[in-house]
Amino acid sequence: MDFPIILCDNFFPAQAFFNSMKDRDFISTLEGFAKGVGRGFDDAVCEFPGELSFEDQPFKGVKFYLFEEEVILHKLDFLKILEEACLTYIARHSNDRVRVEELLGAVKARNDIFNVVDS
């Protein structure tokens, strides 16, 4: 477990996602998040509204799911958890600080990736 993040029970799918991620995947995951693209690790998946297919139920925020359990986090909750993951990563990889901060800033600036995309 590279990211020992502990969240409240309601956020368990998000916790499982971050705790399943390896350090080597962190930067590329942040790059995807900055584009509104989610990812999955060991059955724990993160998904943004812009990734929906036409038959999916629209949502606002960021969806995490693990098998049948899912949670949709609003922007502020998602960013708080992501910031914690960034601090954890930077503590072990200080040489990547600038890149991580740049990508986190890009995610924060993209309000459009947290909203339902109209068809």
Foldseek 3Di string as FASTA:
>chain_A
DQQCDDDPPLCVLVNVFLVQDDLVCVLVQLVCLLVLQKDGGPQWTKHWQVVDDPVDDGDFAIWIDHVPRIDGDHPVVVLVVLVSSLVSSCVVVVVCNVSSVVSSVSNVVCNPRRHHDDD
